[in-house]
PDB file of N, CA and C in Angstrom:
ATOM      1  N   UNK A   1     -19.850  11.041  10.584  1.00  0.00           N
ATOM      2  CA  UNK A   1     -20.654  11.111  11.797  1.00  0.00           C
ATOM      3  C   UNK A   1     -19.704  11.157  12.988  1.00  0.00           C
ATOM      4  N   UNK A   2     -19.984  12.002  13.936  1.00  0.00           N
ATOM      5  CA  UNK A   2     -19.189  12.196  15.125  1.00  0.00           C
ATOM      6  C   UNK A   2     -19.322  10.974  16.048  1.00  0.00           C
ATOM      7  N   UNK A   3     -18.196  10.600  16.609  1.00  0.00           N
ATOM      8  CA  UNK A   3     -18.173   9.470  17.558  1.00  0.00           C
ATOM      9  C   UNK A   3     -18.308  10.016  18.960  1.00  0.00           C
ATOM     10  N   UNK A   4     -19.117   9.433  19.766  1.00  0.00           N
ATOM     11  CA  UNK A   4     -19.268   9.790  21.191  1.00  0.00           C
ATOM     12  C   UNK A   4     -18.035   9.309  21.952  1.00  0.00           C
ATOM     13  N   UNK A   5     -17.484  10.156  22.760  1.00  0.00           N
ATOM     14  CA  UNK A   5     -16.334   9.782  23.583  1.00  0.00           C
ATOM     15  C   UNK A   5     -16.868   9.649  25.030  1.00  0.00           C
ATOM     16  N   UNK A   6     -17.014   8.426  25.468  1.00  0.00           N
ATOM     17  CA  UNK A   6     -17.509   8.150  26.808  1.00  0.00           C
ATOM     18  C   UNK A   6     -16.298   7.882  27.703  1.00  0.00           C
ATOM     19  N   UNK A   7     -16.226   8.575  28.849  1.00  0.00           N
ATOM     20  CA  UNK A   7     -15.080   8.452  29.717  1.00  0.00           C
ATOM     21  C   UNK A   7     -15.530   8.785  31.162  1.00  0.00           C
ATOM     22  N   UNK A   8     -14.629   8.539  32.098  1.00  0.00           N
ATOM     23  CA  UNK A   8     -14.921   8.903  33.480  1.00  0.00           C
ATOM     24  C   UNK A   8     -15.032  10.418  33.551  1.00  0.00           C
ATOM     25  N   UNK A   9     -16.093  10.866  34.178  1.00  0.00           N
ATOM     26  CA  UNK A   9     -16.353  12.285  34.298  1.00  0.00           C
ATOM     27  C   UNK A   9     -15.604  12.952  35.425  1.00  0.00           C
ATOM     28  N   UNK A  10     -15.136  14.186  35.127  1.00  0.00           N
ATOM     29  CA  UNK A  10     -14.488  15.006  36.166  1.00  0.00           C
ATOM     30  C   UNK A  10     -15.501  16.050  36.631  1.00  0.00           C
ATOM     31  N   UNK A  11     -15.394  16.449  37.880  1.00  0.00           N
ATOM     32  CA  UNK A  11     -16.219  17.514  38.429  1.00  0.00           C
ATOM     33  C   UNK A  11     -15.668  18.847  38.096  1.00  0.00           C
ATOM     34  N   UNK A  12     -16.353  19.905  38.563  1.00  0.00           N
ATOM     35  CA  UNK A  12     -15.839  21.282  38.331  1.00  0.00           C
ATOM     36  C   UNK A  12     -14.513  21.539  38.986  1.00  0.00           C
ATOM     37  N   UNK A  13     -14.207  20.771  40.023  1.00  0.00           N
ATOM     38  CA  UNK A  13     -12.932  20.931  40.718  1.00  0.00           C
ATOM     39  C   UNK A  13     -11.803  20.063  40.086  1.00  0.00           C
ATOM     40  N   UNK A  14     -12.100  19.487  38.918  1.00  0.00           N
ATOM     41  CA  UNK A  14     -11.131  18.672  38.185  1.00  0.00           C
ATOM     42  C   UNK A  14     -10.818  17.360  38.876  1.00  0.00           C
ATOM     43  N   UNK A  15     -11.628  16.969  39.853  1.00  0.00           N
ATOM     44  CA  UNK A  15     -11.468  15.715  40.563  1.00  0.00           C
ATOM     45  C   UNK A  15     -12.504  14.721  39.996  1.00  0.00           C
ATOM     46  N   UNK A  16     -12.301  13.456  40.291  1.00  0.00           N
ATOM     47  CA  UNK A  16     -13.226  12.441  39.776  1.00  0.00           C
ATOM     48  C   UNK A  16     -14.625  12.678  40.321  1.00  0.00           C
ATOM     49  N   UNK A  17     -15.609  12.509  39.462  1.00  0.00           N
ATOM     50  CA  UNK A  17     -17.004  12.639  39.860  1.00  0.00           C
ATOM     51  C   UNK A  17     -17.481  11.285  40.346  1.00  0.00           C
ATOM     52  N   UNK A  18     -17.805  11.204  41.661  1.00  0.00           N
ATOM     53  CA  UNK A  18     -18.206   9.941  42.266  1.00  0.00           C
ATOM     54  C   UNK A  18     -19.599  10.176  42.900  1.00  0.00           C
ATOM     55  N   UNK A  19     -20.528   9.235  42.559  1.00  0.00           N
ATOM     56  CA  UNK A  19     -21.863   9.276  43.121  1.00  0.00           C
ATOM     57  C   UNK A  19     -22.214   7.915  43.638  1.00  0.00           C
ATOM     58  N   UNK A  20     -22.557   7.861  44.935  1.00  0.00           N
ATOM     59  CA  UNK A  20     -22.903   6.609  45.619  1.00  0.00           C
ATOM     60  C   UNK A  20     -21.803   5.577  45.445  1.00  0.00           C
ATOM     61  N   UNK A  21     -20.537   6.033  45.550  1.00  0.00           N
ATOM     62  CA  UNK A  21     -19.412   5.117  45.507  1.00  0.00           C
ATOM     63  C   UNK A  21     -18.959   4.662  44.140  1.00  0.00           C
ATOM     64  N   UNK A  22     -19.593   5.164  43.071  1.00  0.00           N
ATOM     65  CA  UNK A  22     -19.262   4.762  41.719  1.00  0.00           C
ATOM     66  C   UNK A  22     -18.761   5.947  40.904  1.00  0.00           C
ATOM     67  N   UNK A  23     -17.799   5.700  40.031  1.00  0.00           N
ATOM     68  CA  UNK A  23     -17.344   6.718  39.106  1.00  0.00           C
ATOM     69  C   UNK A  23     -18.472   7.024  38.140  1.00  0.00           C
ATOM     70  N   UNK A  24     -18.613   8.286  37.797  1.00  0.00           N
ATOM     71  CA  UNK A  24     -19.634   8.694  36.848  1.00  0.00           C
ATOM     72  C   UNK A  24     -19.023   8.716  35.444  1.00  0.00           C
ATOM     73  N   UNK A  25     -19.714   8.206  34.468  1.00  0.00           N
ATOM     74  CA  UNK A  25     -19.267   8.245  33.074  1.00  0.00           C
ATOM     75  C   UNK A  25     -20.254   9.071  32.272  1.00  0.00           C
ATOM     76  N   UNK A  26     -19.720   9.758  31.272  1.00  0.00           N
ATOM     77  CA  UNK A  26     -20.530  10.622  30.438  1.00  0.00           C
ATOM     78  C   UNK A  26     -19.773  10.927  29.146  1.00  0.00           C
ATOM     79  N   UNK A  27     -20.441  11.571  28.207  1.00  0.00           N
ATOM     80  CA  UNK A  27     -19.802  12.062  27.006  1.00  0.00           C
ATOM     81  C   UNK A  27     -18.754  13.105  27.405  1.00  0.00           C
ATOM     82  N   UNK A  28     -17.536  12.946  26.930  1.00  0.00           N
ATOM     83  CA  UNK A  28     -16.458  13.737  27.496  1.00  0.00           C
ATOM     84  C   UNK A  28     -15.596  14.489  26.466  1.00  0.00           C
ATOM     85  N   UNK A  29     -16.087  14.762  25.301  1.00  0.00           N
ATOM     86  CA  UNK A  29     -15.310  15.461  24.303  1.00  0.00           C
ATOM     87  C   UNK A  29     -14.841  16.822  24.824  1.00  0.00           C
ATOM     88  N   UNK A  30     -15.734  17.606  25.392  1.00  0.00           N
ATOM     89  CA  UNK A  30     -15.389  18.929  25.916  1.00  0.00           C
ATOM     90  C   UNK A  30     -14.373  18.815  27.049  1.00  0.00           C
ATOM     91  N   UNK A  31     -14.521  17.796  27.856  1.00  0.00           N
ATOM     92  CA  UNK A  31     -13.574  17.579  28.977  1.00  0.00           C
ATOM     93  C   UNK A  31     -12.185  17.232  28.428  1.00  0.00           C
ATOM     94  N   UNK A  32     -12.116  16.433  27.407  1.00  0.00           N
ATOM     95  CA  UNK A  32     -10.821  16.096  26.777  1.00  0.00           C
ATOM     96  C   UNK A  32     -10.189  17.341  26.170  1.00  0.00           C
ATOM     97  N   UNK A  33     -10.998  18.127  25.501  1.00  0.00           N
ATOM     98  CA  UNK A  33     -10.449  19.364  24.900  1.00  0.00           C
ATOM     99  C   UNK A  33      -9.932  20.309  25.964  1.00  0.00           C
ATOM    100  N   UNK A  34     -10.642  20.441  27.041  1.00  0.00           N
ATOM    101  CA  UNK A  34     -10.195  21.305  28.161  1.00  0.00           C
ATOM    102  C   UNK A  34      -8.862  20.811  28.748  1.00  0.00           C
ATOM    103  N   UNK A  35      -8.758  19.515  28.929  1.00  0.00           N
ATOM    104  CA  UNK A  35      -7.503  18.975  29.478  1.00  0.00           C
ATOM    105  C   UNK A  35      -6.327  19.178  28.534  1.00  0.00           C
ATOM    106  N   UNK A  36      -6.589  19.038  27.230  1.00  0.00           N
ATOM    107  CA  UNK A  36      -5.512  19.257  26.261  1.00  0.00           C
ATOM    108  C   UNK A  36      -5.091  20.685  26.214  1.00  0.00           C
ATOM    109  N   UNK A  37      -6.007  21.618  26.415  1.00  0.00           N
ATOM    110  CA  UNK A  37      -5.694  23.041  26.402  1.00  0.00           C
ATOM    111  C   UNK A  37      -4.961  23.499  27.663  1.00  0.00           C
ATOM    112  N   UNK A  38      -5.420  23.046  28.819  1.00  0.00           N
ATOM    113  CA  UNK A  38      -4.870  23.578  30.080  1.00  0.00           C
ATOM    114  C   UNK A  38      -3.549  22.942  30.498  1.00  0.00           C
ATOM    115  N   UNK A  39      -3.321  21.665  30.194  1.00  0.00           N
ATOM    116  CA  UNK A  39      -2.081  21.003  30.553  1.00  0.00           C
ATOM    117  C   UNK A  39      -0.984  21.360  29.622  1.00  0.00           C
ATOM    118  N   UNK A  40       0.252  21.326  30.110  1.00  0.00           N
ATOM    119  CA  UNK A  40       1.408  21.642  29.294  1.00  0.00           C
ATOM    120  C   UNK A  40       2.155  20.344  28.931  1.00  0.00           C
ATOM    121  N   UNK A  41       2.973  20.472  27.913  1.00  0.00           N
ATOM    122  CA  UNK A  41       3.759  19.330  27.473  1.00  0.00           C
ATOM    123  C   UNK A  41       4.578  18.872  28.684  1.00  0.00           C
ATOM    124  N   UNK A  42       4.593  17.540  28.883  1.00  0.00           N
ATOM    125  CA  UNK A  42       5.331  16.978  30.021  1.00  0.00           C
ATOM    126  C   UNK A  42       4.435  16.687  31.262  1.00  0.00           C
ATOM    127  N   UNK A  43       3.220  17.189  31.271  1.00  0.00           N
ATOM    128  CA  UNK A  43       2.334  16.939  32.408  1.00  0.00           C
ATOM    129  C   UNK A  43       1.934  15.458  32.472  1.00  0.00           C
ATOM    130  N   UNK A  44       1.778  14.850  31.321  1.00  0.00           N
ATOM    131  CA  UNK A  44       1.415  13.425  31.252  1.00  0.00           C
ATOM    132  C   UNK A  44       2.675  12.624  30.944  1.00  0.00           C
ATOM    133  N   UNK A  45       3.230  11.982  31.950  1.00  0.00           N
ATOM    134  CA  UNK A  45       4.562  11.341  31.793  1.00  0.00           C
ATOM    135  C   UNK A  45       4.555  10.224  30.760  1.00  0.00           C
ATOM    136  N   UNK A  46       3.408   9.546  30.544  1.00  0.00           N
ATOM    137  CA  UNK A  46       3.363   8.507  29.561  1.00  0.00           C
ATOM    138  C   UNK A  46       3.305   9.060  28.110  1.00  0.00           C
ATOM    139  N   UNK A  47       2.969  10.328  27.969  1.00  0.00           N
ATOM    140  CA  UNK A  47       2.930  10.978  26.668  1.00  0.00           C
ATOM    141  C   UNK A  47       3.417  12.404  26.813  1.00  0.00           C
ATOM    142  N   UNK A  48       4.728  12.625  26.968  1.00  0.00           N
ATOM    143  CA  UNK A  48       5.250  13.936  27.323  1.00  0.00           C
ATOM    144  C   UNK A  48       5.141  15.007  26.234  1.00  0.00           C
ATOM    145  N   UNK A  49       4.807  14.646  25.015  1.00  0.00           N
ATOM    146  CA  UNK A  49       4.731  15.627  23.970  1.00  0.00           C
ATOM    147  C   UNK A  49       3.308  16.075  23.699  1.00  0.00           C
ATOM    148  N   UNK A  50       2.332  15.568  24.457  1.00  0.00           N
ATOM    149  CA  UNK A  50       0.924  15.875  24.296  1.00  0.00           C
ATOM    150  C   UNK A  50       0.546  17.125  25.081  1.00  0.00           C
ATOM    151  N   UNK A  51      -0.389  17.884  24.640  1.00  0.00           N
ATOM    152  CA  UNK A  51      -1.018  19.049  25.290  1.00  0.00           C
ATOM    153  C   UNK A  51      -0.556  20.377  24.651  1.00  0.00           C
ATOM    154  N   UNK A  52      -1.335  21.405  24.901  1.00  0.00           N
ATOM    155  CA  UNK A  52      -1.092  22.731  24.332  1.00  0.00           C
ATOM    156  C   UNK A  52      -0.413  23.669  25.284  1.00  0.00           C
ATOM    157  N   UNK A  53      -0.892  23.705  26.527  1.00  0.00           N
ATOM    158  CA  UNK A  53      -0.336  24.640  27.510  1.00  0.00           C
ATOM    159  C   UNK A  53      -0.732  26.065  27.176  1.00  0.00           C
ATOM    160  N   UNK A  54      -2.006  26.308  27.152  1.00  0.00           N
ATOM    161  CA  UNK A  54      -2.572  27.592  26.699  1.00  0.00           C
ATOM    162  C   UNK A  54      -1.971  28.779  27.485  1.00  0.00           C
ATOM    163  N   UNK A  55      -1.616  28.542  28.732  1.00  0.00           N
ATOM    164  CA  UNK A  55      -1.128  29.639  29.579  1.00  0.00           C
ATOM    165  C   UNK A  55       0.270  30.156  29.121  1.00  0.00           C
ATOM    166  N   UNK A  56       0.995  29.291  28.382  1.00  0.00           N
ATOM    167  CA  UNK A  56       2.282  29.708  27.881  1.00  0.00           C
ATOM    168  C   UNK A  56       2.132  30.723  26.751  1.00  0.00           C
ATOM    169  N   UNK A  57       0.915  30.908  26.222  1.00  0.00           N
ATOM    170  CA  UNK A  57       0.664  31.860  25.133  1.00  0.00           C
ATOM    171  C   UNK A  57       0.101  33.156  25.645  1.00  0.00           C
ATOM    172  N   UNK A  58      -0.006  33.394  26.956  1.00  0.00           N
ATOM    173  CA  UNK A  58      -0.640  34.578  27.474  1.00  0.00           C
ATOM    174  C   UNK A  58       0.018  35.893  27.029  1.00  0.00           C
ATOM    175  N   UNK A  59       1.305  35.936  26.994  1.00  0.00           N
ATOM    176  CA  UNK A  59       2.009  37.179  26.605  1.00  0.00           C
ATOM    177  C   UNK A  59       2.298  37.291  25.117  1.00  0.00           C
ATOM    178  N   UNK A  60       1.848  36.292  24.375  1.00  0.00           N
ATOM    179  CA  UNK A  60       2.106  36.282  22.901  1.00  0.00           C
ATOM    180  C   UNK A  60       0.960  37.043  22.209  1.00  0.00           C
ATOM    181  N   UNK A  61       1.255  38.095  21.544  1.00  0.00           N
ATOM    182  CA  UNK A  61       0.198  38.895  20.891  1.00  0.00           C
ATOM    183  C   UNK A  61      -0.253  38.302  19.564  1.00  0.00           C
ATOM    184  N   UNK A  62       0.522  37.337  19.043  1.00  0.00           N
ATOM    185  CA  UNK A  62       0.131  36.675  17.811  1.00  0.00           C
ATOM    186  C   UNK A  62      -0.465  35.347  18.175  1.00  0.00           C
ATOM    187  N   UNK A  63      -1.760  35.163  17.884  1.00  0.00           N
ATOM    188  CA  UNK A  63      -2.446  33.957  18.311  1.00  0.00           C
ATOM    189  C   UNK A  63      -2.398  32.848  17.269  1.00  0.00           C
ATOM    190  N   UNK A  64      -1.730  33.036  16.163  1.00  0.00           N
ATOM    191  CA  UNK A  64      -1.678  32.015  15.130  1.00  0.00           C
ATOM    192  C   UNK A  64      -0.951  30.764  15.666  1.00  0.00           C
ATOM    193  N   UNK A  65       0.076  30.940  16.488  1.00  0.00           N
ATOM    194  CA  UNK A  65       0.779  29.827  17.089  1.00  0.00           C
ATOM    195  C   UNK A  65      -0.129  29.021  18.003  1.00  0.00           C
ATOM    196  N   UNK A  66      -0.923  29.704  18.777  1.00  0.00           N
ATOM    197  CA  UNK A  66      -1.848  29.042  19.691  1.00  0.00           C
ATOM    198  C   UNK A  66      -2.918  28.258  18.892  1.00  0.00           C
ATOM    199  N   UNK A  67      -3.469  28.894  17.889  1.00  0.00           N
ATOM    200  CA  UNK A  67      -4.508  28.215  17.096  1.00  0.00           C
ATOM    201  C   UNK A  67      -3.962  26.977  16.374  1.00  0.00           C
ATOM    202  N   UNK A  68      -2.687  27.086  15.896  1.00  0.00           N
ATOM    203  CA  UNK A  68      -2.053  25.962  15.230  1.00  0.00           C
ATOM    204  C   UNK A  68      -1.823  24.840  16.213  1.00  0.00           C
ATOM    205  N   UNK A  69      -1.300  25.182  17.398  1.00  0.00           N
ATOM    206  CA  UNK A  69      -1.046  24.161  18.443  1.00  0.00           C
ATOM    207  C   UNK A  69      -2.341  23.408  18.816  1.00  0.00           C
ATOM    208  N   UNK A  70      -3.447  24.144  18.926  1.00  0.00           N
ATOM    209  CA  UNK A  70      -4.736  23.550  19.269  1.00  0.00           C
ATOM    210  C   UNK A  70      -5.164  22.594  18.177  1.00  0.00           C
ATOM    211  N   UNK A  71      -5.046  23.026  16.900  1.00  0.00           N
ATOM    212  CA  UNK A  71      -5.367  22.170  15.788  1.00  0.00           C
ATOM    213  C   UNK A  71      -4.575  20.885  15.797  1.00  0.00           C
ATOM    214  N   UNK A  72      -3.264  21.034  16.003  1.00  0.00           N
ATOM    215  CA  UNK A  72      -2.386  19.880  16.000  1.00  0.00           C
ATOM    216  C   UNK A  72      -2.736  18.894  17.095  1.00  0.00           C
ATOM    217  N   UNK A  73      -2.899  19.384  18.334  1.00  0.00           N
ATOM    218  CA  UNK A  73      -3.186  18.507  19.453  1.00  0.00           C
ATOM    219  C   UNK A  73      -4.548  17.860  19.375  1.00  0.00           C
ATOM    220  N   UNK A  74      -5.551  18.583  18.949  1.00  0.00           N
ATOM    221  CA  UNK A  74      -6.857  17.968  18.788  1.00  0.00           C
ATOM    222  C   UNK A  74      -6.842  16.894  17.696  1.00  0.00           C
ATOM    223  N   UNK A  75      -6.166  17.167  16.617  1.00  0.00           N
ATOM    224  CA  UNK A  75      -6.048  16.178  15.527  1.00  0.00           C
ATOM    225  C   UNK A  75      -5.290  14.947  15.992  1.00  0.00           C
ATOM    226  N   UNK A  76      -4.192  15.179  16.739  1.00  0.00           N
ATOM    227  CA  UNK A  76      -3.404  14.062  17.232  1.00  0.00           C
ATOM    228  C   UNK A  76      -4.178  13.183  18.185  1.00  0.00           C
ATOM    229  N   UNK A  77      -5.144  13.780  18.900  1.00  0.00           N
ATOM    230  CA  UNK A  77      -5.964  13.029  19.847  1.00  0.00           C
ATOM    231  C   UNK A  77      -7.144  12.271  19.176  1.00  0.00           C
ATOM    232  N   UNK A  78      -7.199  12.439  17.855  1.00  0.00           N
ATOM    233  CA  UNK A  78      -8.239  11.698  17.110  1.00  0.00           C
ATOM    234  C   UNK A  78      -9.486  12.472  16.763  1.00  0.00           C
ATOM    235  N   UNK A  79      -9.402  13.800  16.879  1.00  0.00           N
ATOM    236  CA  UNK A  79     -10.544  14.630  16.542  1.00  0.00           C
ATOM    237  C   UNK A  79     -10.430  15.164  15.107  1.00  0.00           C
ATOM    238  N   UNK A  80     -11.582  15.364  14.507  1.00  0.00           N
ATOM    239  CA  UNK A  80     -11.689  16.037  13.234  1.00  0.00           C
ATOM    240  C   UNK A  80     -11.972  17.497  13.535  1.00  0.00           C
ATOM    241  N   UNK A  81     -11.004  18.361  13.230  1.00  0.00           N
ATOM    242  CA  UNK A  81     -11.081  19.759  13.577  1.00  0.00           C
ATOM    243  C   UNK A  81     -11.650  20.545  12.384  1.00  0.00           C
ATOM    244  N   UNK A  82     -12.827  21.126  12.595  1.00  0.00           N
ATOM    245  CA  UNK A  82     -13.457  21.964  11.552  1.00  0.00           C
ATOM    246  C   UNK A  82     -13.032  23.361  11.669  1.00  0.00           C
ATOM    247  N   UNK A  83     -12.923  23.881  12.918  1.00  0.00           N
ATOM    248  CA  UNK A  83     -12.535  25.282  13.099  1.00  0.00           C
ATOM    249  C   UNK A  83     -12.125  25.506  14.574  1.00  0.00           C
ATOM    250  N   UNK A  84     -11.083  26.297  14.729  1.00  0.00           N
ATOM    251  CA  UNK A  84     -10.686  26.781  16.061  1.00  0.00           C
ATOM    252  C   UNK A  84     -10.450  28.274  15.906  1.00  0.00           C
ATOM    253  N   UNK A  85     -11.099  29.043  16.786  1.00  0.00           N
ATOM    254  CA  UNK A  85     -10.940  30.503  16.678  1.00  0.00           C
ATOM    255  C   UNK A  85     -10.993  31.133  18.057  1.00  0.00           C
ATOM    256  N   UNK A  86     -10.716  32.414  18.075  1.00  0.00           N
ATOM    257  CA  UNK A  86     -10.770  33.198  19.311  1.00  0.00           C
ATOM    258  C   UNK A  86     -11.925  34.149  19.174  1.00  0.00           C
ATOM    259  N   UNK A  87     -12.823  34.154  20.179  1.00  0.00           N
ATOM    260  CA  UNK A  87     -13.981  35.045  20.127  1.00  0.00           C
ATOM    261  C   UNK A  87     -13.546  36.467  20.511  1.00  0.00           C
ATOM    262  N   UNK A  88     -14.415  37.443  20.312  1.00  0.00           N
ATOM    263  CA  UNK A  88     -14.111  38.792  20.660  1.00  0.00           C
ATOM    264  C   UNK A  88     -13.949  38.959  22.172  1.00  0.00           C
ATOM    265  N   UNK A  89     -14.547  38.087  22.964  1.00  0.00           N
ATOM    266  CA  UNK A  89     -14.411  38.108  24.387  1.00  0.00           C
ATOM    267  C   UNK A  89     -13.139  37.442  24.879  1.00  0.00           C
ATOM    268  N   UNK A  90     -12.403  36.788  23.965  1.00  0.00           N
ATOM    269  CA  UNK A  90     -11.171  36.108  24.312  1.00  0.00           C
ATOM    270  C   UNK A  90     -11.305  34.644  24.607  1.00  0.00           C
ATOM    271  N   UNK A  91     -12.483  34.077  24.336  1.00  0.00           N
ATOM    272  CA  UNK A  91     -12.683  32.654  24.561  1.00  0.00           C
ATOM    273  C   UNK A  91     -12.237  31.843  23.345  1.00  0.00           C
ATOM    274  N   UNK A  92     -11.704  30.682  23.600  1.00  0.00           N
ATOM    275  CA  UNK A  92     -11.378  29.771  22.501  1.00  0.00           C
ATOM    276  C   UNK A  92     -12.623  29.011  22.090  1.00  0.00           C
ATOM    277  N   UNK A  93     -12.982  29.107  20.823  1.00  0.00           N
ATOM    278  CA  UNK A  93     -14.144  28.430  20.327  1.00  0.00           C
ATOM    279  C   UNK A  93     -13.671  27.352  19.360  1.00  0.00           C
ATOM    280  N   UNK A  94     -14.057  26.098  19.632  1.00  0.00           N
ATOM    281  CA  UNK A  94     -13.623  25.024  18.776  1.00  0.00           C
ATOM    282  C   UNK A  94     -14.822  24.222  18.246  1.00  0.00           C
ATOM    283  N   UNK A  95     -14.706  23.835  17.055  1.00  0.00           N
ATOM    284  CA  UNK A  95     -15.639  22.898  16.418  1.00  0.00           C
ATOM    285  C   UNK A  95     -14.792  21.694  16.016  1.00  0.00           C
ATOM    286  N   UNK A  96     -14.692  20.747  16.920  1.00  0.00           N
ATOM    287  CA  UNK A  96     -13.896  19.553  16.743  1.00  0.00           C
ATOM    288  C   UNK A  96     -14.623  18.385  17.366  1.00  0.00           C
ATOM    289  N   UNK A  97     -14.705  17.266  16.655  1.00  0.00           N
ATOM    290  CA  UNK A  97     -15.373  16.086  17.144  1.00  0.00           C
ATOM    291  C   UNK A  97     -14.489  14.831  16.892  1.00  0.00           C
ATOM    292  N   UNK A  98     -14.672  13.835  17.695  1.00  0.00           N
ATOM    293  CA  UNK A  98     -13.932  12.592  17.480  1.00  0.00           C
ATOM    294  C   UNK A  98     -14.419  11.880  16.240  1.00  0.00           C
ATOM    295  N   UNK A  99     -13.473  11.346  15.452  1.00  0.00           N
ATOM    296  CA  UNK A  99     -13.831  10.627  14.238  1.00  0.00           C
ATOM    297  C   UNK A  99     -14.373   9.249  14.582  1.00  0.00           C
TER     298      UNK A  99
END
């Protein structure tokens, strides 16, 4: 059974979501996945080896390295990864949930 990941919510501008002076909390699995994909290694000083850095793969025509990096980072973050793929439109599609 998938575990809900409740965390402080970020808005569309990647800033903290604050309503009436309080931080908003919500289920955040997709938010965590997005942060792991977009940030590069070294962005989080307390864990410099974490993250995928999807933009570093832009000029790489072989996407196996990207798919493997996503699998590794999601697993390392505590997710059970069922599938990670690239859609025909170029979107990353993931089926991964926290254990």
